Amino acid sequence: EYGALGTEHQWRHLATAMQAAGHSPELQDLTGRFAVEMAVWAI
């Protein structure tokens, strides 16, 4: 909710999404897909 512009935000979003994917099986597909999309944009 703080935005997705800037490397710091993108890195935090990626790290948080990857952690959420590992801890919540019901959100694994959603957070995993978000992490991939954010990674492509961030890189």
All heavy atoms as atom14 arrays in JSON, in Angstrom:
{
  "sequence": "EYGALGTEHQWRHLATAMQAAGHSPELQDLTGRFAVEMAVWAI",
  "atom14_mask": [
    [1, 1, 1, 1, 1, 1, 1, 1, 1, 0, 0, 0, 0, 0],
    [1, 1, 1, 1, 1, 1, 1, 1, 1, 1, 1, 1, 0, 0],
    [1, 1, 1, 1, 0, 0, 0, 0, 0, 0, 0, 0, 0, 0],
    [1, 1, 1, 1, 1, 0, 0, 0, 0, 0, 0, 0, 0, 0],
    [1, 1, 1, 1, 1, 1, 1, 1, 0, 0, 0, 0, 0, 0],
    [1, 1, 1, 1, 0, 0, 0, 0, 0, 0, 0, 0, 0, 0],
    [1, 1, 1, 1, 1, 1, 1, 0, 0, 0, 0, 0, 0, 0],
    [1, 1, 1, 1, 1, 1, 1, 1, 1, 0, 0, 0, 0, 0],
    [1, 1, 1, 1, 1, 1, 1, 1, 1, 1, 0, 0, 0, 0],
    [1, 1, 1, 1, 1, 1, 1, 1, 1, 0, 0, 0, 0, 0],
    [1, 1, 1, 1, 1, 1, 1, 1, 1, 1, 1, 1, 1, 1],
    [1, 1, 1, 1, 1, 1, 1, 1, 1, 1, 1, 0, 0, 0],
    [1, 1, 1, 1, 1, 1, 1, 1, 1, 1, 0, 0, 0, 0],
    [1, 1, 1, 1, 1, 1, 1, 1, 0, 0, 0, 0, 0, 0],
    [1, 1, 1, 1, 1, 0, 0, 0, 0, 0, 0, 0, 0, 0],
    [1, 1, 1, 1, 1, 1, 1, 0, 0, 0, 0, 0, 0, 0],
    [1, 1, 1, 1, 1, 0, 0, 0, 0, 0, 0, 0, 0, 0],
    [1, 1, 1, 1, 1, 1, 1, 1, 0, 0, 0, 0, 0, 0],
    [1, 1, 1, 1, 1, 1, 1, 1, 1, 0, 0, 0, 0, 0],
    [1, 1, 1, 1, 1, 0, 0, 0, 0, 0, 0, 0, 0, 0],
    [1, 1, 1, 1, 1, 0, 0, 0, 0, 0, 0, 0, 0, 0],
    [1, 1, 1, 1, 0, 0, 0, 0, 0, 0, 0, 0, 0, 0],
    [1, 1, 1, 1, 1, 1, 1, 1, 1, 1, 0, 0, 0, 0],
    [1, 1, 1, 1, 1, 1, 0, 0, 0, 0, 0, 0, 0, 0],
    [1, 1, 1, 1, 1, 1, 1, 0, 0, 0, 0, 0, 0, 0],
    [1, 1, 1, 1, 1, 1, 1, 1, 1, 0, 0, 0, 0, 0],
    [1, 1, 1, 1, 1, 1, 1, 1, 0, 0, 0, 0, 0, 0],
    [1, 1, 1, 1, 1, 1, 1, 1, 1, 0, 0, 0, 0, 0],
    [1, 1, 1, 1, 1, 1, 1, 1, 0, 0, 0, 0, 0, 0],
    [1, 1, 1, 1, 1, 1, 1, 1, 0, 0, 0, 0, 0, 0],
    [1, 1, 1, 1, 1, 1, 1, 0, 0, 0, 0, 0, 0, 0],
    [1, 1, 1, 1, 0, 0, 0, 0, 0, 0, 0, 0, 0, 0],
    [1, 1, 1, 1, 1, 1, 1, 1, 1, 1, 1, 0, 0, 0],
    [1, 1, 1, 1, 1, 1, 1, 1, 1, 1, 1, 0, 0, 0],
    [1, 1, 1, 1, 1, 0, 0, 0, 0, 0, 0, 0, 0, 0],
    [1, 1, 1, 1, 1, 1, 1, 0, 0, 0, 0, 0, 0, 0],
    [1, 1, 1, 1, 1, 1, 1, 1, 1, 0, 0, 0, 0, 0],
    [1, 1, 1, 1, 1, 1, 1, 1, 0, 0, 0, 0, 0, 0],
    [1, 1, 1, 1, 1, 0, 0, 0, 0, 0, 0, 0, 0, 0],
    [1, 1, 1, 1, 1, 1, 1, 0, 0, 0, 0, 0, 0, 0],
    [1, 1, 1, 1, 1, 1, 1, 1, 1, 1, 1, 1, 1, 1],
    [1, 1, 1, 1, 1, 0, 0, 0, 0, 0, 0, 0, 0, 0],
    [1, 1, 1, 1, 1, 1, 1, 1, 0, 0, 0, 0, 0, 0]
  ],
  "atom14_positions": [
    [[0.82, -1.22, 0.0], [0.0, 0.0, 0.0], [0.85, 1.27, 0.0], [0.34, 2.35, -0.27], [-0.97, 0.01, 1.18], [-0.3, 0.14, 2.53], [-1.29, 0.03, 3.67], [-1.92, -1.04, 3.81], [-1.43, 1.0, 4.42], [0.0, 0.0, 0.0], [0.0, 0.0, 0.0], [0.0, 0.0, 0.0], [0.0, 0.0, 0.0], [0.0, 0.0, 0.0]],
    [[2.14, 1.17, 0.26], [3.01, 2.34, 0.24], [3.55, 2.64, -1.15], [4.27, 3.61, -1.33], [4.18, 2.15, 1.2], [3.75, 1.95, 2.63], [4.11, 0.82, 3.33], [2.95, 2.88, 3.27], [3.7, 0.62, 4.64], [2.52, 2.7, 4.56], [2.9, 1.56, 5.25], [2.49, 1.37, 6.53], [0.0, 0.0, 0.0], [0.0, 0.0, 0.0]],
    [[3.23, 1.83, -2.11], [3.68, 2.06, -3.48], [4.7, 1.03, -3.9], [5.23, 0.28, -3.08], [0.0, 0.0, 0.0], [0.0, 0.0, 0.0], [0.0, 0.0, 0.0], [0.0, 0.0, 0.0], [0.0, 0.0, 0.0], [0.0, 0.0, 0.0], [0.0, 0.0, 0.0], [0.0, 0.0, 0.0], [0.0, 0.0, 0.0], [0.0, 0.0, 0.0]],
    [[4.97, 1.0, -5.2], [5.89, -0.01, -5.72], [7.01, 0.6, -6.53], [7.73, -0.1, -7.21], [5.11, -1.01, -6.58], [0.0, 0.0, 0.0], [0.0, 0.0, 0.0], [0.0, 0.0, 0.0], [0.0, 0.0, 0.0], [0.0, 0.0, 0.0], [0.0, 0.0, 0.0], [0.0, 0.0, 0.0], [0.0, 0.0, 0.0], [0.0, 0.0, 0.0]],
    [[7.17, 1.92, -6.45], [8.26, 2.55, -7.16], [9.49, 2.61, -6.27], [9.38, 2.86, -5.07], [7.88, 3.96, -7.62], [6.74, 4.03, -8.63], [6.43, 5.49, -8.97], [7.08, 3.27, -9.89], [0.0, 0.0, 0.0], [0.0, 0.0, 0.0], [0.0, 0.0, 0.0], [0.0, 0.0, 0.0], [0.0, 0.0, 0.0], [0.0, 0.0, 0.0]],
    [[10.64, 2.37, -6.85], [11.88, 2.43, -6.1], [12.36, 1.05, -5.69], [11.57, 0.18, -5.31], [0.0, 0.0, 0.0], [0.0, 0.0, 0.0], [0.0, 0.0, 0.0], [0.0, 0.0, 0.0], [0.0, 0.0, 0.0], [0.0, 0.0, 0.0], [0.0, 0.0, 0.0], [0.0, 0.0, 0.0], [0.0, 0.0, 0.0], [0.0, 0.0, 0.0]],
    [[13.64, 0.87, -5.77], [14.25, -0.42, -5.49], [13.97, -0.91, -4.07], [13.7, -2.09, -3.85], [15.76, -0.35, -5.73], [15.97, 0.11, -7.07], [16.42, -1.71, -5.57], [0.0, 0.0, 0.0], [0.0, 0.0, 0.0], [0.0, 0.0, 0.0], [0.0, 0.0, 0.0], [0.0, 0.0, 0.0], [0.0, 0.0, 0.0], [0.0, 0.0, 0.0]],
    [[14.0, -0.01, -3.09], [13.75, -0.43, -1.7], [12.36, -1.02, -1.53], [12.19, -2.06, -0.91], [13.96, 0.74, -0.75], [15.4, 1.13, -0.56], [16.26, 0.02, 0.01], [15.83, -0.67, 0.96], [17.36, -0.19, -0.51], [0.0, 0.0, 0.0], [0.0, 0.0, 0.0], [0.0, 0.0, 0.0], [0.0, 0.0, 0.0], [0.0, 0.0, 0.0]],
    [[11.35, -0.33, -2.09], [9.98, -0.85, -2.0], [9.86, -2.18, -2.74], [9.27, -3.13, -2.23], [8.97, 0.15, -2.57], [8.68, 1.3, -1.69], [8.32, 1.18, -0.37], [8.69, 2.63, -1.94], [8.13, 2.36, 0.15], [8.35, 3.27, -0.78], [0.0, 0.0, 0.0], [0.0, 0.0, 0.0], [0.0, 0.0, 0.0], [0.0, 0.0, 0.0]],
    [[10.4, -2.25, -3.93], [10.3, -3.47, -4.72], [10.97, -4.64, -4.0], [10.42, -5.74, -3.93], [10.91, -3.25, -6.1], [10.14, -2.26, -6.93], [10.93, -1.7, -8.1], [12.14, -1.87, -8.18], [10.24, -1.04, -9.0], [0.0, 0.0, 0.0], [0.0, 0.0, 0.0], [0.0, 0.0, 0.0], [0.0, 0.0, 0.0], [0.0, 0.0, 0.0]],
    [[12.13, -4.39, -3.43], [12.85, -5.45, -2.72], [12.03, -5.92, -1.51], [11.89, -7.11, -1.27], [14.23, -4.95, -2.29], [15.04, -6.0, -1.64], [15.8, -6.94, -2.25], [15.14, -6.26, -0.24], [16.39, -7.77, -1.32], [15.99, -7.36, -0.08], [14.6, -5.67, 0.88], [16.31, -7.88, 1.17], [14.91, -6.19, 2.13], [15.76, -7.28, 2.25]],
    [[11.47, -4.97, -0.75], [10.66, -5.35, 0.42], [9.42, -6.14, 0.0], [9.06, -7.11, 0.66], [10.22, -4.09, 1.18], [11.2, -3.65, 2.18], [10.61, -2.6, 3.13], [11.72, -1.89, 3.71], [12.19, -0.73, 3.27], [11.61, -0.13, 2.26], [13.21, -0.15, 3.85], [0.0, 0.0, 0.0], [0.0, 0.0, 0.0], [0.0, 0.0, 0.0]],
    [[8.76, -5.7, -1.07], [7.57, -6.42, -1.53], [7.92, -7.84, -1.95], [7.21, -8.78, -1.62], [6.92, -5.7, -2.71], [6.44, -4.31, -2.42], [6.09, -3.87, -1.17], [6.26, -3.26, -3.25], [5.71, -2.62, -1.23], [5.81, -2.22, -2.48], [0.0, 0.0, 0.0], [0.0, 0.0, 0.0], [0.0, 0.0, 0.0], [0.0, 0.0, 0.0]],
    [[9.01, -7.99, -2.67], [9.45, -9.32, -3.11], [9.75, -10.22, -1.91], [9.3, -11.37, -1.85], [10.71, -9.2, -3.96], [10.49, -9.01, -5.44], [11.77, -8.53, -6.1], [10.04, -10.3, -6.05], [0.0, 0.0, 0.0], [0.0, 0.0, 0.0], [0.0, 0.0, 0.0], [0.0, 0.0, 0.0], [0.0, 0.0, 0.0], [0.0, 0.0, 0.0]],
    [[10.53, -9.71, -0.98], [10.91, -10.5, 0.18], [9.68, -10.89, 1.0], [9.54, -12.04, 1.43], [11.91, -9.73, 1.04], [0.0, 0.0, 0.0], [0.0, 0.0, 0.0], [0.0, 0.0, 0.0], [0.0, 0.0, 0.0], [0.0, 0.0, 0.0], [0.0, 0.0, 0.0], [0.0, 0.0, 0.0], [0.0, 0.0, 0.0], [0.0, 0.0, 0.0]],
    [[8.76, -9.94, 1.2], [7.54, -10.21, 1.97], [6.65, -11.22, 1.26], [6.11, -12.13, 1.89], [6.77, -8.9, 2.22], [7.64, -7.97, 2.87], [5.56, -9.14, 3.1], [0.0, 0.0, 0.0], [0.0, 0.0, 0.0], [0.0, 0.0, 0.0], [0.0, 0.0, 0.0], [0.0, 0.0, 0.0], [0.0, 0.0, 0.0], [0.0, 0.0, 0.0]],
    [[6.5, -11.07, -0.05], [5.68, -12.02, -0.81], [6.26, -13.42, -0.76], [5.52, -14.41, -0.62], [5.53, -11.55, -2.26], [0.0, 0.0, 0.0], [0.0, 0.0, 0.0], [0.0, 0.0, 0.0], [0.0, 0.0, 0.0], [0.0, 0.0, 0.0], [0.0, 0.0, 0.0], [0.0, 0.0, 0.0], [0.0, 0.0, 0.0], [0.0, 0.0, 0.0]],
    [[7.57, -13.53, -0.87], [8.21, -14.85, -0.82], [8.03, -15.49, 0.56], [7.81, -16.7, 0.67], [9.67, -14.74, -1.21], [9.85, -14.41, -2.69], [11.53, -14.02, -3.17], [12.33, -15.61, -3.01], [0.0, 0.0, 0.0], [0.0, 0.0, 0.0], [0.0, 0.0, 0.0], [0.0, 0.0, 0.0], [0.0, 0.0, 0.0], [0.0, 0.0, 0.0]],
    [[8.12, -14.68, 1.62], [7.89, -15.21, 2.97], [6.44, -15.65, 3.13], [6.17, -16.71, 3.69], [8.23, -14.16, 4.02], [9.71, -13.9, 4.16], [10.0, -12.74, 5.1], [9.11, -11.98, 5.48], [11.26, -12.58, 5.45], [0.0, 0.0, 0.0], [0.0, 0.0, 0.0], [0.0, 0.0, 0.0], [0.0, 0.0, 0.0], [0.0, 0.0, 0.0]],
    [[5.51, -14.83, 2.64], [4.08, -15.18, 2.75], [3.78, -16.46, 1.98], [3.0, -17.29, 2.45], [3.22, -14.03, 2.24], [0.0, 0.0, 0.0], [0.0, 0.0, 0.0], [0.0, 0.0, 0.0], [0.0, 0.0, 0.0], [0.0, 0.0, 0.0], [0.0, 0.0, 0.0], [0.0, 0.0, 0.0], [0.0, 0.0, 0.0], [0.0, 0.0, 0.0]],
    [[4.39, -16.63, 0.82], [4.17, -17.84, 0.03], [4.63, -19.07, 0.79], [4.01, -20.13, 0.71], [4.89, -17.74, -1.3], [0.0, 0.0, 0.0], [0.0, 0.0, 0.0], [0.0, 0.0, 0.0], [0.0, 0.0, 0.0], [0.0, 0.0, 0.0], [0.0, 0.0, 0.0], [0.0, 0.0, 0.0], [0.0, 0.0, 0.0], [0.0, 0.0, 0.0]],
    [[5.7, -18.94, 1.55], [6.22, -20.08, 2.31], [5.43, -20.39, 3.57], [5.46, -21.51, 4.05], [0.0, 0.0, 0.0], [0.0, 0.0, 0.0], [0.0, 0.0, 0.0], [0.0, 0.0, 0.0], [0.0, 0.0, 0.0], [0.0, 0.0, 0.0], [0.0, 0.0, 0.0], [0.0, 0.0, 0.0], [0.0, 0.0, 0.0], [0.0, 0.0, 0.0]],
    [[4.69, -19.4, 4.09], [3.98, -19.59, 5.35], [2.48, -19.8, 5.2], [1.82, -20.17, 6.17], [4.21, -18.39, 6.27], [5.61, -18.31, 6.76], [6.44, -17.25, 6.49], [6.36, -19.17, 7.49], [7.62, -17.46, 7.03], [7.6, -18.62, 7.63], [0.0, 0.0, 0.0], [0.0, 0.0, 0.0], [0.0, 0.0, 0.0], [0.0, 0.0, 0.0]],
    [[1.95, -19.54, 4.03], [0.51, -19.62, 3.85], [0.18, -20.4, 2.58], [0.15, -19.83, 1.49], [-0.08, -18.21, 3.78], [-1.46, -18.26, 3.58], [0.0, 0.0, 0.0], [0.0, 0.0, 0.0], [0.0, 0.0, 0.0], [0.0, 0.0, 0.0], [0.0, 0.0, 0.0], [0.0, 0.0, 0.0], [0.0, 0.0, 0.0], [0.0, 0.0, 0.0]],
    [[-0.1, -21.71, 2.72], [-0.37, -22.52, 1.53], [-1.55, -22.0, 0.7], [-1.52, -22.08, -0.53], [-0.68, -23.9, 2.1], [-0.06, -23.92, 3.44], [-0.1, -22.5, 3.94], [0.0, 0.0, 0.0], [0.0, 0.0, 0.0], [0.0, 0.0, 0.0], [0.0, 0.0, 0.0], [0.0, 0.0, 0.0], [0.0, 0.0, 0.0], [0.0, 0.0, 0.0]],
    [[-2.57, -21.43, 1.36], [-3.72, -20.94, 0.61], [-3.41, -19.69, -0.2], [-4.09, -19.38, -1.17], [-4.93, -20.69, 1.53], [-4.74, -19.6, 2.57], [-4.09, -20.11, 3.86], [-3.79, -21.29, 3.98], [-3.89, -19.27, 4.76], [0.0, 0.0, 0.0], [0.0, 0.0, 0.0], [0.0, 0.0, 0.0], [0.0, 0.0, 0.0], [0.0, 0.0, 0.0]],
    [[-2.35, -18.97, 0.17], [-1.94, -17.78, -0.58], [-0.72, -18.02, -1.45], [-0.23, -17.1, -2.09], [-1.65, -16.62, 0.38], [-2.84, -16.02, 1.12], [-2.37, -14.97, 2.1], [-3.85, -15.44, 0.14], [0.0, 0.0, 0.0], [0.0, 0.0, 0.0], [0.0, 0.0, 0.0], [0.0, 0.0, 0.0], [0.0, 0.0, 0.0], [0.0, 0.0, 0.0]],
    [[-0.22, -19.24, -1.47], [1.03, -19.52, -2.16], [0.98, -19.18, -3.65], [1.9, -18.55, -4.17], [1.4, -20.99, -1.98], [2.78, -21.31, -2.47], [3.21, -22.7, -2.05], [2.4, -23.52, -1.66], [4.49, -22.96, -2.13], [0.0, 0.0, 0.0], [0.0, 0.0, 0.0], [0.0, 0.0, 0.0], [0.0, 0.0, 0.0], [0.0, 0.0, 0.0]],
    [[-0.08, -19.54, -4.34], [-0.17, -19.24, -5.77], [-0.23, -17.73, -6.01], [0.46, -17.2, -6.89], [-1.38, -19.91, -6.4], [-1.22, -21.42, -6.52], [-0.06, -21.9, -6.49], [-2.24, -22.12, -6.63], [0.0, 0.0, 0.0], [0.0, 0.0, 0.0], [0.0, 0.0, 0.0], [0.0, 0.0, 0.0], [0.0, 0.0, 0.0], [0.0, 0.0, 0.0]],
    [[-1.07, -17.04, -5.24], [-1.24, -15.6, -5.42], [0.03, -14.83, -5.11], [0.49, -14.01, -5.91], [-2.39, -15.09, -4.53], [-2.66, -13.6, -4.56], [-3.13, -13.16, -5.95], [-3.7, -13.24, -3.51], [0.0, 0.0, 0.0], [0.0, 0.0, 0.0], [0.0, 0.0, 0.0], [0.0, 0.0, 0.0], [0.0, 0.0, 0.0], [0.0, 0.0, 0.0]],
    [[0.65, -15.1, -3.96], [1.86, -14.37, -3.59], [3.04, -14.78, -4.46], [3.9, -13.97, -4.77], [2.19, -14.55, -2.1], [2.27, -15.95, -1.8], [1.16, -13.89, -1.22], [0.0, 0.0, 0.0], [0.0, 0.0, 0.0], [0.0, 0.0, 0.0], [0.0, 0.0, 0.0], [0.0, 0.0, 0.0], [0.0, 0.0, 0.0], [0.0, 0.0, 0.0]],
    [[3.07, -16.03, -4.87], [4.13, -16.47, -5.77], [4.04, -15.78, -7.13], [5.05, -15.34, -7.67], [0.0, 0.0, 0.0], [0.0, 0.0, 0.0], [0.0, 0.0, 0.0], [0.0, 0.0, 0.0], [0.0, 0.0, 0.0], [0.0, 0.0, 0.0], [0.0, 0.0, 0.0], [0.0, 0.0, 0.0], [0.0, 0.0, 0.0], [0.0, 0.0, 0.0]],
    [[2.83, -15.67, -7.65], [2.65, -14.99, -8.94], [2.98, -13.51, -8.8], [3.63, -12.92, -9.66], [1.23, -15.17, -9.43], [1.05, -14.69, -10.86], [-0.32, -15.0, -11.36], [-1.29, -14.23, -10.6], [-2.3, -13.57, -11.15], [-2.51, -13.62, -12.43], [-3.13, -12.88, -10.4], [0.0, 0.0, 0.0], [0.0, 0.0, 0.0], [0.0, 0.0, 0.0]],
    [[2.56, -12.9, -7.68], [2.89, -11.5, -7.44], [4.41, -11.31, -7.37], [4.96, -10.37, -7.94], [2.25, -10.99, -6.15], [2.75, -9.65, -5.73], [2.32, -8.5, -6.38], [3.69, -9.54, -4.72], [2.82, -7.25, -6.0], [4.17, -8.31, -4.34], [3.74, -7.16, -4.98], [0.0, 0.0, 0.0], [0.0, 0.0, 0.0], [0.0, 0.0, 0.0]],
    [[5.1, -12.21, -6.67], [6.56, -12.11, -6.54], [7.23, -12.18, -7.91], [8.16, -11.41, -8.19], [7.1, -13.2, -5.62], [0.0, 0.0, 0.0], [0.0, 0.0, 0.0], [0.0, 0.0, 0.0], [0.0, 0.0, 0.0], [0.0, 0.0, 0.0], [0.0, 0.0, 0.0], [0.0, 0.0, 0.0], [0.0, 0.0, 0.0], [0.0, 0.0, 0.0]],
    [[6.77, -13.07, -8.77], [7.35, -13.18, -10.11], [7.1, -11.89, -10.89], [8.02, -11.35, -11.51], [6.79, -14.41, -10.86], [7.16, -14.36, -12.33], [7.29, -15.69, -10.21], [0.0, 0.0, 0.0], [0.0, 0.0, 0.0], [0.0, 0.0, 0.0], [0.0, 0.0, 0.0], [0.0, 0.0, 0.0], [0.0, 0.0, 0.0], [0.0, 0.0, 0.0]],
    [[5.87, -11.38, -10.84], [5.55, -10.15, -11.56], [6.38, -8.98, -11.04], [6.9, -8.19, -11.83], [4.05, -9.84, -11.44], [3.15, -10.85, -12.1], [3.2, -10.77, -13.61], [3.46, -9.7, -14.16], [2.96, -11.82, -14.24], [0.0, 0.0, 0.0], [0.0, 0.0, 0.0], [0.0, 0.0, 0.0], [0.0, 0.0, 0.0], [0.0, 0.0, 0.0]],
    [[6.5, -8.86, -9.74], [7.28, -7.76, -9.15], [8.76, -7.92, -9.49], [9.45, -6.94, -9.76], [7.08, -7.72, -7.63], [7.83, -6.6, -6.93], [7.4, -4.91, -7.46], [5.75, -4.76, -6.83], [0.0, 0.0, 0.0], [0.0, 0.0, 0.0], [0.0, 0.0, 0.0], [0.0, 0.0, 0.0], [0.0, 0.0, 0.0], [0.0, 0.0, 0.0]],
    [[9.25, -9.15, -9.5], [10.66, -9.39, -9.83], [10.97, -8.98, -11.26], [11.99, -8.34, -11.52], [11.01, -10.86, -9.62], [0.0, 0.0, 0.0], [0.0, 0.0, 0.0], [0.0, 0.0, 0.0], [0.0, 0.0, 0.0], [0.0, 0.0, 0.0], [0.0, 0.0, 0.0], [0.0, 0.0, 0.0], [0.0, 0.0, 0.0], [0.0, 0.0, 0.0]],
    [[10.08, -9.32, -12.18], [10.3, -8.95, -13.58], [10.33, -7.43, -13.72], [11.19, -6.88, -14.41], [9.21, -9.58, -14.48], [9.25, -9.0, -15.88], [9.37, -11.09, -14.52], [0.0, 0.0, 0.0], [0.0, 0.0, 0.0], [0.0, 0.0, 0.0], [0.0, 0.0, 0.0], [0.0, 0.0, 0.0], [0.0, 0.0, 0.0], [0.0, 0.0, 0.0]],
    [[9.42, -6.76, -13.04], [9.38, -5.3, -13.11], [10.6, -4.68, -12.44], [11.26, -3.8, -12.97], [8.09, -4.8, -12.46], [7.89, -3.32, -12.52], [8.36, -2.46, -13.48], [7.2, -2.52, -11.59], [7.97, -1.18, -13.19], [7.26, -1.19, -12.03], [6.51, -2.8, -10.41], [6.66, -0.14, -11.35], [5.92, -1.75, -9.74], [6.0, -0.44, -10.2]],
    [[10.94, -5.17, -11.25], [12.05, -4.61, -10.48], [13.39, -4.79, -11.19], [14.22, -3.88, -11.21], [12.1, -5.25, -9.1], [0.0, 0.0, 0.0], [0.0, 0.0, 0.0], [0.0, 0.0, 0.0], [0.0, 0.0, 0.0], [0.0, 0.0, 0.0], [0.0, 0.0, 0.0], [0.0, 0.0, 0.0], [0.0, 0.0, 0.0], [0.0, 0.0, 0.0]],
    [[13.6, -5.94, -11.79], [14.89, -6.2, -12.43], [15.05, -5.34, -13.69], [16.16, -4.99, -14.07], [15.1, -7.71, -12.71], [16.58, -8.04, -12.75], [14.42, -8.14, -13.97], [17.29, -7.9, -11.45], [0.0, 0.0, 0.0], [0.0, 0.0, 0.0], [0.0, 0.0, 0.0], [0.0, 0.0, 0.0], [0.0, 0.0, 0.0], [0.0, 0.0, 0.0]]
  ]
}
